[in-house]
């Protein structure tokens, strides 16, 4: 059975933050958004990028792997859940292990929080709140086959951080010809474009 997941297209993002507002309605973390709309290079551009949990496949959920009490569970569909409040001990290992910098640690609750793909909704065939609210479909929900037939762009689920490559359940939409998202290369290019070539070497891993 084809699995529905999220496709993020930065070229469509207008920075309206409707996804953040909608995310606050999720029952598992009502009132707090698990999505961050980030400026790519604020001094030089108005471009924005929604950042949410990518639900890593290979290696399988680094956040779950480093949890000493197995508080982070993964559903058969590959959805990486936020920490179970009855198990989480607040060690923050998951926060440090996530290559995308997604998990949030709630100090008052001593609990890690993150996107769980609105599991209360998606398990019933509904869309996640963020994709339902996005006015430009920069965050889109569907199967890979539906994306190919309905959308333009090249969907990839491999991200490179230096020498580490991560395969994810969710997809980024990139220009044709790109087979992976190279974070290190992007950071080095941003250093050059923003007039800080001396920072390029900092991104060699």
N, C-alpha and C. Protein backbone atom coordinates (compact mmCIF):
# COMPACT_ATOMS: atom_id res chain seq x y z
N UNK A 1 0.84 -1.19 0.00
CA UNK A 1 0.00 0.00 0.00
C UNK A 1 0.88 1.24 0.00
N UNK A 2 0.53 2.20 -0.87
CA UNK A 2 1.30 3.45 -0.94
C UNK A 2 1.11 4.23 0.35
N UNK A 3 2.20 4.78 0.85
CA UNK A 3 2.17 5.52 2.11
C UNK A 3 2.14 7.02 1.84
N UNK A 4 1.22 7.72 2.47
CA UNK A 4 1.16 9.17 2.34
C UNK A 4 2.18 9.81 3.27
N UNK A 5 2.76 10.89 2.80
CA UNK A 5 3.78 11.58 3.59
C UNK A 5 3.78 13.05 3.20
N UNK A 6 4.71 13.82 3.74
CA UNK A 6 4.75 15.27 3.48
C UNK A 6 5.85 15.60 2.48
N UNK A 7 5.53 16.49 1.55
CA UNK A 7 6.47 17.00 0.57
C UNK A 7 6.62 18.50 0.82
N UNK A 8 7.85 18.95 1.07
CA UNK A 8 8.11 20.35 1.36
C UNK A 8 8.79 21.00 0.16
N UNK A 9 8.17 22.04 -0.39
CA UNK A 9 8.70 22.75 -1.56
C UNK A 9 9.05 24.17 -1.15
N UNK A 10 10.32 24.45 -0.84
CA UNK A 10 10.71 25.79 -0.39
C UNK A 10 10.40 26.89 -1.41
N UNK A 11 10.38 26.56 -2.70
CA UNK A 11 10.12 27.58 -3.72
C UNK A 11 8.69 28.11 -3.66
N UNK A 12 7.80 27.40 -2.99
CA UNK A 12 6.41 27.84 -2.86
C UNK A 12 6.14 28.57 -1.54
N UNK A 13 7.07 28.48 -0.58
CA UNK A 13 6.84 29.07 0.74
C UNK A 13 6.86 30.59 0.66
N UNK A 14 5.83 31.23 1.23
CA UNK A 14 5.75 32.70 1.24
C UNK A 14 5.93 33.27 2.65
N UNK A 15 6.27 32.41 3.60
CA UNK A 15 6.54 32.89 4.96
C UNK A 15 5.34 33.37 5.72
N UNK A 16 4.13 32.91 5.36
CA UNK A 16 2.92 33.40 6.02
C UNK A 16 2.73 32.82 7.42
N UNK A 17 3.40 31.70 7.68
CA UNK A 17 3.34 31.01 8.97
C UNK A 17 1.96 30.42 9.29
N UNK A 18 1.14 30.21 8.25
CA UNK A 18 -0.15 29.54 8.48
C UNK A 18 0.07 28.13 9.02
N UNK A 19 1.16 27.49 8.58
CA UNK A 19 1.47 26.13 9.06
C UNK A 19 1.75 26.13 10.55
N UNK A 20 2.46 27.15 11.02
CA UNK A 20 2.77 27.23 12.44
C UNK A 20 1.48 27.40 13.26
N UNK A 21 0.59 28.28 12.77
CA UNK A 21 -0.67 28.51 13.48
C UNK A 21 -1.52 27.25 13.49
N UNK A 22 -1.55 26.54 12.35
CA UNK A 22 -2.35 25.32 12.27
C UNK A 22 -1.77 24.22 13.15
N UNK A 23 -0.44 24.14 13.22
CA UNK A 23 0.21 23.10 14.01
C UNK A 23 -0.15 23.21 15.49
N UNK A 24 -0.43 24.41 15.93
CA UNK A 24 -0.79 24.60 17.33
C UNK A 24 -2.11 23.92 17.68
N UNK A 25 -2.89 23.54 16.67
CA UNK A 25 -4.18 22.90 16.92
C UNK A 25 -4.05 21.39 17.13
N UNK A 26 -2.86 20.84 16.87
CA UNK A 26 -2.67 19.39 17.02
C UNK A 26 -2.92 18.98 18.47
N UNK A 27 -3.71 17.93 18.66
CA UNK A 27 -4.08 17.52 20.01
C UNK A 27 -2.91 17.10 20.88
N UNK A 28 -1.82 16.59 20.26
CA UNK A 28 -0.71 16.10 21.07
C UNK A 28 0.17 17.21 21.62
N UNK A 29 0.06 18.40 21.08
CA UNK A 29 0.84 19.53 21.61
C UNK A 29 0.06 20.83 21.41
N UNK A 30 -1.21 20.78 21.74
CA UNK A 30 -2.10 21.92 21.51
C UNK A 30 -1.52 23.21 22.09
N UNK A 31 -1.52 24.25 21.27
CA UNK A 31 -1.04 25.56 21.69
C UNK A 31 0.41 25.82 21.37
N UNK A 32 1.15 24.79 20.90
CA UNK A 32 2.56 24.97 20.58
C UNK A 32 2.84 24.40 19.19
N UNK A 33 3.55 25.16 18.37
CA UNK A 33 3.86 24.70 17.01
C UNK A 33 5.13 23.87 16.99
N UNK A 34 5.06 22.77 16.25
CA UNK A 34 6.23 21.92 16.06
C UNK A 34 6.88 22.18 14.70
N UNK A 35 6.40 23.22 14.00
CA UNK A 35 6.98 23.64 12.72
C UNK A 35 7.67 24.98 12.93
N UNK A 36 8.81 25.16 12.28
CA UNK A 36 9.52 26.44 12.31
C UNK A 36 9.64 26.95 10.88
N UNK A 37 9.22 28.17 10.64
CA UNK A 37 9.43 28.79 9.34
C UNK A 37 10.69 29.64 9.45
N UNK A 38 11.74 29.21 8.77
CA UNK A 38 13.05 29.85 8.90
C UNK A 38 13.38 30.70 7.69
N UNK A 39 14.08 31.80 7.92
CA UNK A 39 14.64 32.59 6.82
C UNK A 39 15.92 31.91 6.37
N UNK A 40 16.06 31.73 5.05
CA UNK A 40 17.22 31.03 4.52
C UNK A 40 18.50 31.85 4.70
N UNK A 41 18.46 33.10 4.27
CA UNK A 41 19.62 34.00 4.41
C UNK A 41 19.05 35.40 4.62
N UNK A 42 18.64 35.69 5.82
CA UNK A 42 17.87 36.89 6.11
C UNK A 42 18.54 38.18 5.64
N UNK A 43 19.87 38.34 5.75
CA UNK A 43 20.47 39.60 5.29
C UNK A 43 20.38 39.83 3.78
N UNK A 44 20.21 38.72 3.04
CA UNK A 44 20.27 38.84 1.58
C UNK A 44 18.99 38.46 0.86
N UNK A 45 18.03 37.84 1.56
CA UNK A 45 16.87 37.30 0.85
C UNK A 45 15.66 37.22 1.76
N UNK A 46 14.47 37.25 1.14
CA UNK A 46 13.24 37.07 1.90
C UNK A 46 12.77 35.61 1.83
N UNK A 47 13.56 34.75 1.22
CA UNK A 47 13.19 33.34 1.07
C UNK A 47 13.03 32.67 2.42
N UNK A 48 12.00 31.85 2.54
CA UNK A 48 11.73 31.14 3.79
C UNK A 48 11.61 29.64 3.52
N UNK A 49 11.74 28.88 4.60
CA UNK A 49 11.75 27.42 4.50
C UNK A 49 11.03 26.85 5.72
N UNK A 50 9.93 26.11 5.51
CA UNK A 50 9.31 25.45 6.66
C UNK A 50 10.14 24.24 7.08
N UNK A 51 10.43 24.14 8.36
CA UNK A 51 11.21 23.03 8.89
C UNK A 51 10.34 22.20 9.82
N UNK A 52 10.23 20.91 9.53
CA UNK A 52 9.46 20.02 10.37
C UNK A 52 10.16 18.66 10.40
N UNK A 53 9.69 17.78 11.28
CA UNK A 53 10.33 16.48 11.42
C UNK A 53 10.29 15.73 10.09
N UNK A 54 11.43 15.16 9.69
CA UNK A 54 11.52 14.45 8.43
C UNK A 54 11.26 12.95 8.59
N UNK A 55 11.10 12.47 9.82
CA UNK A 55 10.81 11.06 10.09
C UNK A 55 11.83 10.16 9.40
N UNK A 56 13.03 10.21 9.92
CA UNK A 56 14.18 9.52 9.32
C UNK A 56 13.96 8.01 9.19
N UNK A 57 14.41 7.49 8.05
CA UNK A 57 14.29 6.06 7.75
C UNK A 57 15.63 5.35 7.86
N UNK A 58 16.69 5.95 7.31
CA UNK A 58 18.01 5.32 7.31
C UNK A 58 19.09 6.39 7.50
N UNK A 59 19.75 6.44 8.65
CA UNK A 59 19.53 5.55 9.80
C UNK A 59 18.16 5.77 10.43
N UNK A 60 17.60 4.72 10.99
CA UNK A 60 16.26 4.81 11.53
C UNK A 60 16.23 5.75 12.73
N UNK A 61 15.53 6.85 12.58
CA UNK A 61 15.27 7.80 13.66
C UNK A 61 16.42 7.93 14.65
N UNK A 62 17.45 8.72 14.32
CA UNK A 62 18.55 8.92 15.28
C UNK A 62 18.06 9.33 16.67
N UNK A 63 16.98 10.11 16.71
CA UNK A 63 16.45 10.53 18.01
C UNK A 63 16.01 9.33 18.84
N UNK A 64 15.35 8.36 18.20
CA UNK A 64 14.89 7.17 18.92
C UNK A 64 16.06 6.27 19.30
N UNK A 65 17.07 6.22 18.43
CA UNK A 65 18.22 5.34 18.69
C UNK A 65 18.99 5.75 19.94
N UNK A 66 19.07 7.06 20.20
CA UNK A 66 19.88 7.51 21.33
C UNK A 66 19.08 7.63 22.62
N UNK A 67 17.78 7.35 22.56
CA UNK A 67 16.95 7.45 23.77
C UNK A 67 17.24 6.26 24.67
N UNK A 68 17.74 6.49 25.90
CA UNK A 68 18.11 5.37 26.78
C UNK A 68 16.93 4.64 27.40
N UNK A 69 15.72 5.22 27.29
CA UNK A 69 14.56 4.59 27.91
C UNK A 69 13.49 4.21 26.89
N UNK A 70 13.84 4.28 25.61
CA UNK A 70 12.92 3.93 24.52
C UNK A 70 11.59 4.68 24.62
N UNK A 71 11.71 5.99 24.86
CA UNK A 71 10.51 6.82 24.98
C UNK A 71 9.97 7.24 23.61
N UNK A 72 10.80 7.14 22.57
CA UNK A 72 10.39 7.56 21.23
C UNK A 72 10.08 6.33 20.40
N UNK A 73 8.81 6.15 20.09
CA UNK A 73 8.37 4.96 19.37
C UNK A 73 8.13 5.29 17.90
N UNK A 74 8.19 4.27 17.05
CA UNK A 74 7.98 4.42 15.61
C UNK A 74 6.83 3.52 15.20
N UNK A 75 5.85 4.07 14.50
CA UNK A 75 4.70 3.28 14.08
C UNK A 75 5.09 2.37 12.91
N UNK A 76 4.29 1.36 12.62
CA UNK A 76 4.57 0.49 11.47
C UNK A 76 4.65 1.26 10.15
N UNK A 77 4.00 2.44 10.09
CA UNK A 77 4.04 3.26 8.89
C UNK A 77 5.28 4.13 8.81
N UNK A 78 6.12 4.08 9.84
CA UNK A 78 7.35 4.86 9.84
C UNK A 78 7.23 6.23 10.44
N UNK A 79 6.15 6.52 11.14
CA UNK A 79 5.98 7.82 11.78
C UNK A 79 6.71 7.79 13.12
N UNK A 80 7.67 8.70 13.29
CA UNK A 80 8.43 8.78 14.54
C UNK A 80 7.66 9.65 15.52
N UNK A 81 7.18 9.05 16.58
CA UNK A 81 6.35 9.75 17.55
C UNK A 81 7.19 10.65 18.47
N UNK A 82 6.53 11.63 19.08
CA UNK A 82 7.24 12.41 20.09
C UNK A 82 7.38 11.55 21.34
N UNK A 83 8.20 11.97 22.26
CA UNK A 83 8.51 11.16 23.44
C UNK A 83 7.26 10.86 24.26
N UNK A 84 7.20 9.64 24.75
CA UNK A 84 6.12 9.21 25.63
C UNK A 84 6.34 9.87 27.00
N UNK A 85 5.38 10.69 27.47
CA UNK A 85 5.57 11.39 28.75
C UNK A 85 5.83 10.45 29.92
N UNK A 86 5.31 9.23 29.87
CA UNK A 86 5.50 8.30 30.98
C UNK A 86 6.90 7.69 31.00
N UNK A 87 7.66 7.86 29.90
CA UNK A 87 8.99 7.28 29.82
C UNK A 87 10.11 8.33 29.79
N UNK A 88 9.85 9.48 29.15
CA UNK A 88 10.89 10.48 28.94
C UNK A 88 11.52 10.93 30.26
N UNK A 89 12.86 10.95 30.29
CA UNK A 89 13.58 11.37 31.51
C UNK A 89 14.26 12.72 31.32
N UNK A 90 14.02 13.35 30.18
CA UNK A 90 14.56 14.69 29.97
C UNK A 90 16.05 14.75 29.76
N UNK A 91 16.65 13.70 29.19
CA UNK A 91 18.10 13.70 29.01
C UNK A 91 18.56 14.54 27.81
N UNK A 92 17.65 14.82 26.89
CA UNK A 92 17.89 15.65 25.70
C UNK A 92 18.80 14.99 24.67
N UNK A 93 19.09 13.73 24.79
CA UNK A 93 19.89 13.06 23.78
C UNK A 93 19.29 13.22 22.39
N UNK A 94 17.96 13.13 22.31
CA UNK A 94 17.27 13.23 21.03
C UNK A 94 17.46 14.59 20.39
N UNK A 95 17.48 15.62 21.21
CA UNK A 95 17.66 16.98 20.70
C UNK A 95 19.02 17.12 20.03
N UNK A 96 20.04 16.56 20.67
CA UNK A 96 21.40 16.66 20.14
C UNK A 96 21.62 15.74 18.93
N UNK A 97 20.89 14.63 18.86
CA UNK A 97 21.12 13.64 17.80
C UNK A 97 20.44 13.99 16.48
N UNK A 98 19.37 14.75 16.52
CA UNK A 98 18.61 15.03 15.29
C UNK A 98 19.43 15.85 14.31
N UNK A 99 19.69 15.36 13.10
CA UNK A 99 20.49 16.13 12.14
C UNK A 99 19.76 17.36 11.61
N UNK A 100 18.43 17.39 11.74
CA UNK A 100 17.65 18.52 11.23
C UNK A 100 17.34 19.54 12.32
N UNK A 101 17.73 19.27 13.55
CA UNK A 101 17.51 20.22 14.64
C UNK A 101 16.04 20.42 14.98
N UNK A 102 15.25 19.35 14.91
CA UNK A 102 13.80 19.48 15.06
C UNK A 102 13.27 19.34 16.48
N UNK A 103 13.65 18.31 17.27
CA UNK A 103 13.01 18.13 18.58
C UNK A 103 13.14 19.34 19.49
N UNK A 104 12.07 19.63 20.22
CA UNK A 104 12.06 20.71 21.19
C UNK A 104 11.98 20.11 22.59
N UNK A 105 12.76 20.67 23.50
CA UNK A 105 12.71 20.18 24.87
C UNK A 105 11.93 21.17 25.72
N UNK A 106 10.86 20.69 26.31
CA UNK A 106 10.03 21.50 27.21
C UNK A 106 10.58 21.31 28.62
N UNK A 107 11.31 22.31 29.10
CA UNK A 107 11.98 22.19 30.40
C UNK A 107 10.99 22.05 31.54
N UNK A 108 9.87 22.76 31.46
CA UNK A 108 8.90 22.70 32.56
C UNK A 108 8.24 21.32 32.65
N UNK A 109 8.00 20.72 31.48
CA UNK A 109 7.38 19.40 31.46
C UNK A 109 8.41 18.28 31.45
N UNK A 110 9.69 18.64 31.28
CA UNK A 110 10.78 17.66 31.16
C UNK A 110 10.42 16.62 30.09
N UNK A 111 10.09 17.13 28.91
CA UNK A 111 9.59 16.26 27.84
C UNK A 111 10.04 16.77 26.48
N UNK A 112 10.45 15.83 25.61
CA UNK A 112 10.77 16.18 24.23
C UNK A 112 9.49 16.20 23.42
N UNK A 113 9.36 17.24 22.59
CA UNK A 113 8.19 17.36 21.72
C UNK A 113 8.65 17.50 20.27
N UNK A 114 7.88 16.96 19.36
CA UNK A 114 8.18 17.07 17.95
C UNK A 114 6.94 16.72 17.14
N UNK A 115 7.01 16.96 15.85
CA UNK A 115 5.93 16.61 14.94
C UNK A 115 5.74 15.10 14.91
N UNK A 116 4.50 14.64 15.07
CA UNK A 116 4.21 13.21 14.92
C UNK A 116 3.29 12.98 13.73
N UNK A 117 3.38 13.89 12.75
CA UNK A 117 2.61 13.81 11.51
C UNK A 117 1.10 13.84 11.79
N UNK A 118 0.72 14.58 12.83
CA UNK A 118 -0.70 14.65 13.23
C UNK A 118 -1.31 13.25 13.21
N UNK A 119 -0.69 12.34 13.94
CA UNK A 119 -1.07 10.93 13.85
C UNK A 119 -2.54 10.72 14.21
N UNK A 120 -3.08 11.58 15.07
CA UNK A 120 -4.49 11.45 15.42
C UNK A 120 -5.39 11.71 14.21
N UNK A 121 -4.89 12.51 13.26
CA UNK A 121 -5.66 12.81 12.05
C UNK A 121 -5.30 11.87 10.90
N UNK A 122 -4.00 11.71 10.64
CA UNK A 122 -3.59 10.92 9.48
C UNK A 122 -3.96 9.44 9.64
N UNK A 123 -4.03 8.94 10.87
CA UNK A 123 -4.43 7.55 11.07
C UNK A 123 -5.91 7.34 10.72
N UNK A 124 -6.66 8.44 10.58
CA UNK A 124 -8.07 8.36 10.20
C UNK A 124 -8.31 8.84 8.77
N UNK A 125 -7.19 9.00 8.01
CA UNK A 125 -7.33 9.39 6.61
C UNK A 125 -7.42 10.88 6.38
N UNK A 126 -7.20 11.69 7.42
CA UNK A 126 -7.25 13.15 7.28
C UNK A 126 -5.85 13.69 7.02
N UNK A 127 -5.78 14.94 6.55
CA UNK A 127 -4.48 15.59 6.33
C UNK A 127 -3.92 16.11 7.65
N UNK A 128 -2.58 16.25 7.72
CA UNK A 128 -2.01 16.98 8.86
C UNK A 128 -2.50 18.43 8.83
N UNK A 129 -2.54 19.06 9.98
CA UNK A 129 -3.02 20.44 10.04
C UNK A 129 -2.21 21.37 9.13
N UNK A 130 -0.89 21.19 9.12
CA UNK A 130 -0.03 22.13 8.38
C UNK A 130 -0.31 22.09 6.88
N UNK A 131 -0.48 20.88 6.31
CA UNK A 131 -0.72 20.80 4.87
C UNK A 131 -2.11 21.29 4.51
N UNK A 132 -3.04 21.13 5.42
CA UNK A 132 -4.40 21.61 5.15
C UNK A 132 -4.44 23.13 5.13
N UNK A 133 -3.60 23.76 5.96
CA UNK A 133 -3.64 25.22 6.08
C UNK A 133 -2.76 25.96 5.09
N UNK A 134 -1.74 25.30 4.52
CA UNK A 134 -0.78 25.98 3.65
C UNK A 134 -1.47 26.50 2.38
N UNK A 135 -1.48 27.84 2.14
CA UNK A 135 -2.20 28.40 1.00
C UNK A 135 -1.51 28.19 -0.34
N UNK A 136 -0.24 27.85 -0.34
CA UNK A 136 0.49 27.70 -1.60
C UNK A 136 0.93 26.25 -1.85
N UNK A 137 0.52 25.34 -0.98
CA UNK A 137 0.91 23.93 -1.08
C UNK A 137 2.42 23.76 -1.02
N UNK A 138 3.09 24.65 -0.27
CA UNK A 138 4.52 24.48 -0.03
C UNK A 138 4.75 23.26 0.85
N UNK A 139 3.76 22.96 1.68
CA UNK A 139 3.76 21.71 2.45
C UNK A 139 2.56 20.93 1.96
N UNK A 140 2.83 19.78 1.34
CA UNK A 140 1.78 19.02 0.65
C UNK A 140 1.78 17.59 1.14
N UNK A 141 0.60 16.99 1.24
CA UNK A 141 0.47 15.64 1.80
C UNK A 141 -0.11 14.69 0.76
N UNK A 142 0.56 13.57 0.55
CA UNK A 142 0.07 12.58 -0.40
C UNK A 142 1.11 11.50 -0.59
N UNK A 143 0.85 10.59 -1.51
CA UNK A 143 1.81 9.53 -1.82
C UNK A 143 2.79 10.04 -2.87
N UNK A 144 3.90 9.33 -3.00
CA UNK A 144 4.89 9.70 -4.02
C UNK A 144 4.27 9.63 -5.41
N UNK A 145 3.45 8.63 -5.65
CA UNK A 145 2.80 8.48 -6.95
C UNK A 145 1.85 9.64 -7.23
N UNK A 146 1.13 10.09 -6.21
CA UNK A 146 0.24 11.25 -6.37
C UNK A 146 1.04 12.51 -6.66
N UNK A 147 2.18 12.64 -5.98
CA UNK A 147 3.03 13.82 -6.23
C UNK A 147 3.48 13.86 -7.68
N UNK A 148 3.99 12.75 -8.17
CA UNK A 148 4.50 12.69 -9.55
C UNK A 148 3.40 13.02 -10.55
N UNK A 149 2.18 12.57 -10.30
CA UNK A 149 1.09 12.79 -11.26
C UNK A 149 0.43 14.16 -11.14
N UNK A 150 0.54 14.79 -9.97
CA UNK A 150 -0.19 16.03 -9.73
C UNK A 150 0.68 17.28 -9.59
N UNK A 151 1.95 17.11 -9.28
CA UNK A 151 2.80 18.25 -8.97
C UNK A 151 4.00 18.33 -9.90
N UNK A 152 4.61 19.51 -9.96
CA UNK A 152 5.86 19.68 -10.68
C UNK A 152 6.99 19.75 -9.67
N UNK A 153 8.19 19.42 -10.10
CA UNK A 153 9.34 19.43 -9.19
C UNK A 153 9.85 18.02 -8.98
N UNK A 154 11.03 17.95 -8.42
CA UNK A 154 11.73 16.68 -8.23
C UNK A 154 11.77 16.38 -6.74
N UNK A 155 11.06 15.35 -6.31
CA UNK A 155 10.99 15.01 -4.89
C UNK A 155 12.13 14.08 -4.50
N UNK A 156 12.88 14.47 -3.50
CA UNK A 156 14.00 13.64 -3.02
C UNK A 156 13.85 13.41 -1.52
N UNK A 157 14.35 12.27 -1.06
CA UNK A 157 14.29 11.97 0.38
C UNK A 157 15.65 11.59 0.93
N UNK A 158 16.71 12.15 0.32
CA UNK A 158 18.07 11.93 0.81
C UNK A 158 18.71 13.28 1.09
N UNK A 159 19.23 13.44 2.30
CA UNK A 159 19.87 14.68 2.72
C UNK A 159 21.28 14.37 3.20
N UNK A 160 22.24 15.21 2.78
CA UNK A 160 23.64 14.99 3.13
C UNK A 160 24.11 16.08 4.08
N UNK A 161 24.73 15.64 5.18
CA UNK A 161 25.35 16.55 6.15
C UNK A 161 26.83 16.17 6.20
N UNK A 162 27.68 16.83 5.44
CA UNK A 162 29.09 16.45 5.40
C UNK A 162 29.24 15.06 4.83
N UNK A 163 29.73 14.12 5.65
CA UNK A 163 29.91 12.75 5.20
C UNK A 163 28.72 11.85 5.58
N UNK A 164 27.74 12.42 6.25
CA UNK A 164 26.58 11.63 6.68
C UNK A 164 25.42 11.84 5.73
N UNK A 165 24.80 10.75 5.29
CA UNK A 165 23.63 10.82 4.43
C UNK A 165 22.44 10.21 5.18
N UNK A 166 21.31 10.91 5.13
CA UNK A 166 20.11 10.47 5.83
C UNK A 166 18.97 10.31 4.83
N UNK A 167 18.33 9.16 4.87
CA UNK A 167 17.13 8.95 4.05
C UNK A 167 15.92 9.16 4.94
N UNK A 168 14.92 9.88 4.43
CA UNK A 168 13.78 10.26 5.26
C UNK A 168 12.46 9.80 4.66
N UNK A 169 11.46 9.74 5.51
CA UNK A 169 10.11 9.40 5.07
C UNK A 169 9.50 10.57 4.31
N UNK A 170 9.72 11.77 4.81
CA UNK A 170 9.25 12.98 4.14
C UNK A 170 10.20 13.37 3.02
N UNK A 171 9.71 14.21 2.11
CA UNK A 171 10.48 14.60 0.94
C UNK A 171 10.68 16.12 0.86
N UNK A 172 11.81 16.52 0.27
CA UNK A 172 12.02 17.89 -0.17
C UNK A 172 11.80 17.93 -1.67
N UNK A 173 11.30 19.06 -2.18
CA UNK A 173 11.13 19.24 -3.61
C UNK A 173 12.23 20.16 -4.12
N UNK A 174 13.06 19.64 -5.02
CA UNK A 174 14.22 20.37 -5.54
C UNK A 174 14.12 20.47 -7.05
N UNK A 175 14.99 21.30 -7.67
CA UNK A 175 15.00 21.38 -9.13
C UNK A 175 15.38 20.03 -9.75
N UNK A 176 14.97 19.82 -10.98
CA UNK A 176 15.31 18.59 -11.68
C UNK A 176 16.83 18.41 -11.74
N UNK A 177 17.26 17.18 -11.63
CA UNK A 177 18.69 16.88 -11.70
C UNK A 177 19.34 16.73 -10.36
N UNK A 178 18.69 17.21 -9.30
CA UNK A 178 19.24 17.07 -7.95
C UNK A 178 18.76 15.75 -7.36
N UNK A 179 19.69 14.91 -6.94
CA UNK A 179 19.29 13.62 -6.38
C UNK A 179 19.39 13.57 -4.87
N UNK A 180 19.85 14.68 -4.26
CA UNK A 180 19.94 14.75 -2.81
C UNK A 180 20.09 16.21 -2.40
N UNK A 181 19.77 16.48 -1.15
CA UNK A 181 19.93 17.82 -0.60
C UNK A 181 21.22 17.86 0.19
N UNK A 182 22.19 18.63 -0.30
CA UNK A 182 23.51 18.70 0.34
C UNK A 182 23.56 19.95 1.22
N UNK A 183 23.34 19.76 2.52
CA UNK A 183 23.30 20.88 3.46
C UNK A 183 24.64 21.61 3.54
N UNK A 184 25.73 20.85 3.56
CA UNK A 184 27.05 21.46 3.65
C UNK A 184 27.33 22.37 2.46
N UNK A 185 26.99 21.90 1.27
CA UNK A 185 27.20 22.70 0.06
C UNK A 185 26.37 23.98 0.09
N UNK A 186 25.14 23.88 0.59
CA UNK A 186 24.28 25.06 0.67
C UNK A 186 24.82 26.08 1.65
N UNK A 187 25.32 25.62 2.79
CA UNK A 187 25.86 26.54 3.79
C UNK A 187 27.11 27.25 3.26
N UNK A 188 27.93 26.51 2.54
CA UNK A 188 29.14 27.12 1.99
C UNK A 188 28.77 28.13 0.90
N UNK A 189 27.78 27.81 0.09
CA UNK A 189 27.34 28.74 -0.96
C UNK A 189 26.74 30.00 -0.33
N UNK A 190 25.99 29.82 0.77
CA UNK A 190 25.40 30.97 1.45
C UNK A 190 26.49 31.86 2.03
N UNK A 191 27.56 31.27 2.53
CA UNK A 191 28.67 32.06 3.07
C UNK A 191 29.28 32.93 1.99
N UNK A 192 29.41 32.38 0.79
CA UNK A 192 29.98 33.16 -0.32
C UNK A 192 29.02 34.27 -0.75
N UNK A 193 27.72 33.92 -0.89
CA UNK A 193 26.75 34.87 -1.41
C UNK A 193 26.48 36.02 -0.45
N UNK A 194 26.65 35.78 0.83
CA UNK A 194 26.41 36.84 1.82
C UNK A 194 27.68 37.61 2.18
N UNK A 195 28.75 37.37 1.43
CA UNK A 195 29.97 38.13 1.63
C UNK A 195 30.82 37.67 2.79
N UNK A 196 30.74 36.38 3.15
CA UNK A 196 31.54 35.85 4.25
C UNK A 196 32.28 34.59 3.79
N UNK A 197 33.14 34.72 2.77
CA UNK A 197 33.84 33.54 2.25
C UNK A 197 34.72 32.86 3.30
N UNK A 198 35.11 33.60 4.34
CA UNK A 198 35.96 33.01 5.37
C UNK A 198 35.22 31.93 6.16
N UNK A 199 33.88 31.93 6.08
CA UNK A 199 33.11 30.93 6.82
C UNK A 199 32.96 29.62 6.06
N UNK A 200 33.37 29.59 4.81
CA UNK A 200 33.21 28.39 4.00
C UNK A 200 33.88 27.19 4.64
N UNK A 201 35.10 27.40 5.12
CA UNK A 201 35.87 26.27 5.67
C UNK A 201 35.21 25.70 6.93
N UNK A 202 34.36 26.50 7.58
CA UNK A 202 33.71 26.02 8.79
C UNK A 202 32.73 24.89 8.49
N UNK A 203 32.29 24.78 7.22
CA UNK A 203 31.30 23.78 6.87
C UNK A 203 31.92 22.55 6.24
N UNK A 204 33.24 22.44 6.28
CA UNK A 204 33.88 21.20 5.80
C UNK A 204 33.86 20.20 6.95
N UNK A 205 33.16 19.10 6.75
CA UNK A 205 33.01 18.11 7.83
C UNK A 205 33.77 16.84 7.45
